[in-house]
Structure formats: structure tokens, C-alpha cells
Amino acid sequence: MEWDVVHVQVAGPHLLFVKFRDGVEGEVQFKPSFFRGVFAHLIDDQEFNQVYLVDGAVTWPQELDLAPDAMHDALKTGRRWIVE
């Protein structure tokens, strides 16, 4: 699918750089308000930095992932997606 992530890397504190199969790319910035519920432990940099890809989705241990389609739509219209 066009919204499959093919590359992810930590680009700063709570900041990722992602690239999609179709060439769309950009930064995903996570605001402190994002880190609640099942994502609460990712506020710790060591936990957040364990990001990896599974079947085209940005994923962390404990099977936490982000919806690649929403990320793709946001980055297609701008170079940065702010997640709150």
C-alpha cells in the first residue's frame, strides 16, 4: 500500500522521521498530551527510542503502533505531523 512506512528513525526527543513507500516523508512530533493510557510509558526516551517497523507500521514493544494511513495523510499535506 502507498501508506506503508519503509523507514523510521528517531530524529530527536519524541520526534520521528518516517518515509513511506510512495516517497512521502516527514517528521512526526509527539506532544506530552499523547503519552497517556497504553502510550504513557513511551514518554521515557529509552522506551520511545525502541521504535521499529512491522508490516509497514511504526511500532513499539508491547505491540503499540500508529495508524500509518492517518500519518500518511497528514504528511502528504505538510512535512510535520504533530500528534497530541
Protein backbone atom coordinates (compact mmCIF):
# COMPACT_ATOMS: atom_id res chain seq x y z
CA MET A 1 0.00 0.00 0.00
CA GLU A 2 1.11 3.56 -0.59
CA TRP A 3 0.99 4.28 3.15
CA ASP A 4 3.39 1.51 4.15
CA VAL A 5 6.25 3.02 6.13
CA VAL A 6 9.59 1.83 4.75
CA HIS A 7 11.89 3.79 7.07
CA VAL A 8 11.63 5.15 10.61
CA GLN A 9 14.29 6.72 12.77
CA VAL A 10 14.37 8.75 15.96
CA ALA A 11 15.19 12.34 14.98
CA GLY A 12 15.08 13.94 18.43
CA PRO A 13 13.22 13.82 21.72
CA HIS A 14 9.75 12.46 20.91
CA LEU A 15 10.40 13.11 17.23
CA LEU A 16 10.47 10.56 14.40
CA PHE A 17 11.44 10.81 10.76
CA VAL A 18 9.39 8.49 8.55
CA LYS A 19 9.37 7.66 4.86
CA PHE A 20 6.55 5.89 3.02
CA ARG A 21 6.69 3.53 0.08
CA ASP A 22 5.36 6.22 -2.28
CA GLY A 23 8.07 8.72 -1.28
CA VAL A 24 6.03 10.83 1.14
CA GLU A 25 8.24 11.64 4.11
CA GLY A 26 8.41 13.92 7.10
CA GLU A 27 8.61 14.32 10.85
CA VAL A 28 6.17 13.10 13.46
CA GLN A 29 6.33 15.17 16.65
CA PHE A 30 4.68 13.78 19.78
CA LYS A 31 3.34 16.30 22.30
CA PRO A 32 3.29 15.39 26.02
CA SER A 33 -0.50 15.02 25.87
CA PHE A 34 -0.05 11.97 23.59
CA PHE A 35 1.63 9.96 26.33
CA ARG A 36 -1.36 8.62 28.23
CA GLY A 37 -3.08 5.27 28.56
CA VAL A 38 -1.22 2.46 26.79
CA PHE A 39 1.26 5.00 25.38
CA ALA A 40 2.16 6.52 28.79
CA HIS A 41 5.45 4.64 29.16
CA LEU A 42 6.71 5.98 25.81
CA ILE A 43 7.32 9.38 27.42
CA ASP A 44 10.57 7.80 28.64
CA ASP A 45 13.18 8.34 25.90
CA GLN A 46 14.60 4.84 26.26
CA GLU A 47 11.16 3.34 25.66
CA PHE A 48 10.31 5.75 22.83
CA ASN A 49 13.62 5.08 21.07
CA GLN A 50 12.79 1.36 20.74
CA VAL A 51 10.62 2.18 17.70
CA TYR A 52 10.73 -0.21 14.73
CA LEU A 53 8.62 -1.27 11.74
CA VAL A 54 6.20 -4.17 11.49
CA ASP A 55 4.40 -4.70 8.19
CA GLY A 56 4.70 -1.03 7.26
CA ALA A 57 3.56 0.35 10.61
CA VAL A 58 5.56 2.35 13.17
CA THR A 59 5.61 0.08 16.22
CA TRP A 60 6.96 -0.13 19.76
CA PRO A 61 7.30 -3.11 22.10
CA GLN A 62 4.03 -4.38 23.58
CA GLU A 63 2.52 -4.23 20.06
CA LEU A 64 1.82 -0.49 20.19
CA ASP A 65 1.57 1.11 16.79
CA LEU A 66 0.41 4.20 14.93
CA ALA A 67 -2.11 4.19 12.12
CA PRO A 68 0.06 4.58 9.01
CA ASP A 69 -2.84 5.84 6.89
CA ALA A 70 -3.51 8.81 9.20
CA MET A 71 0.22 9.59 9.37
CA HIS A 72 0.49 9.41 5.57
CA ASP A 73 -2.48 11.74 5.05
CA ALA A 74 -1.03 14.30 7.48
CA LEU A 75 2.47 14.21 5.96
CA LYS A 76 1.16 14.34 2.41
CA THR A 77 -0.15 17.86 3.11
CA GLY A 78 2.81 19.02 5.22
CA ARG A 79 6.29 17.98 6.31
CA ARG A 80 5.41 17.58 10.01
CA TRP A 81 2.59 15.84 11.83
CA ILE A 82 2.04 16.88 15.42
CA VAL A 83 0.43 14.11 17.47
CA GLU A 84 -1.39 15.16 20.63
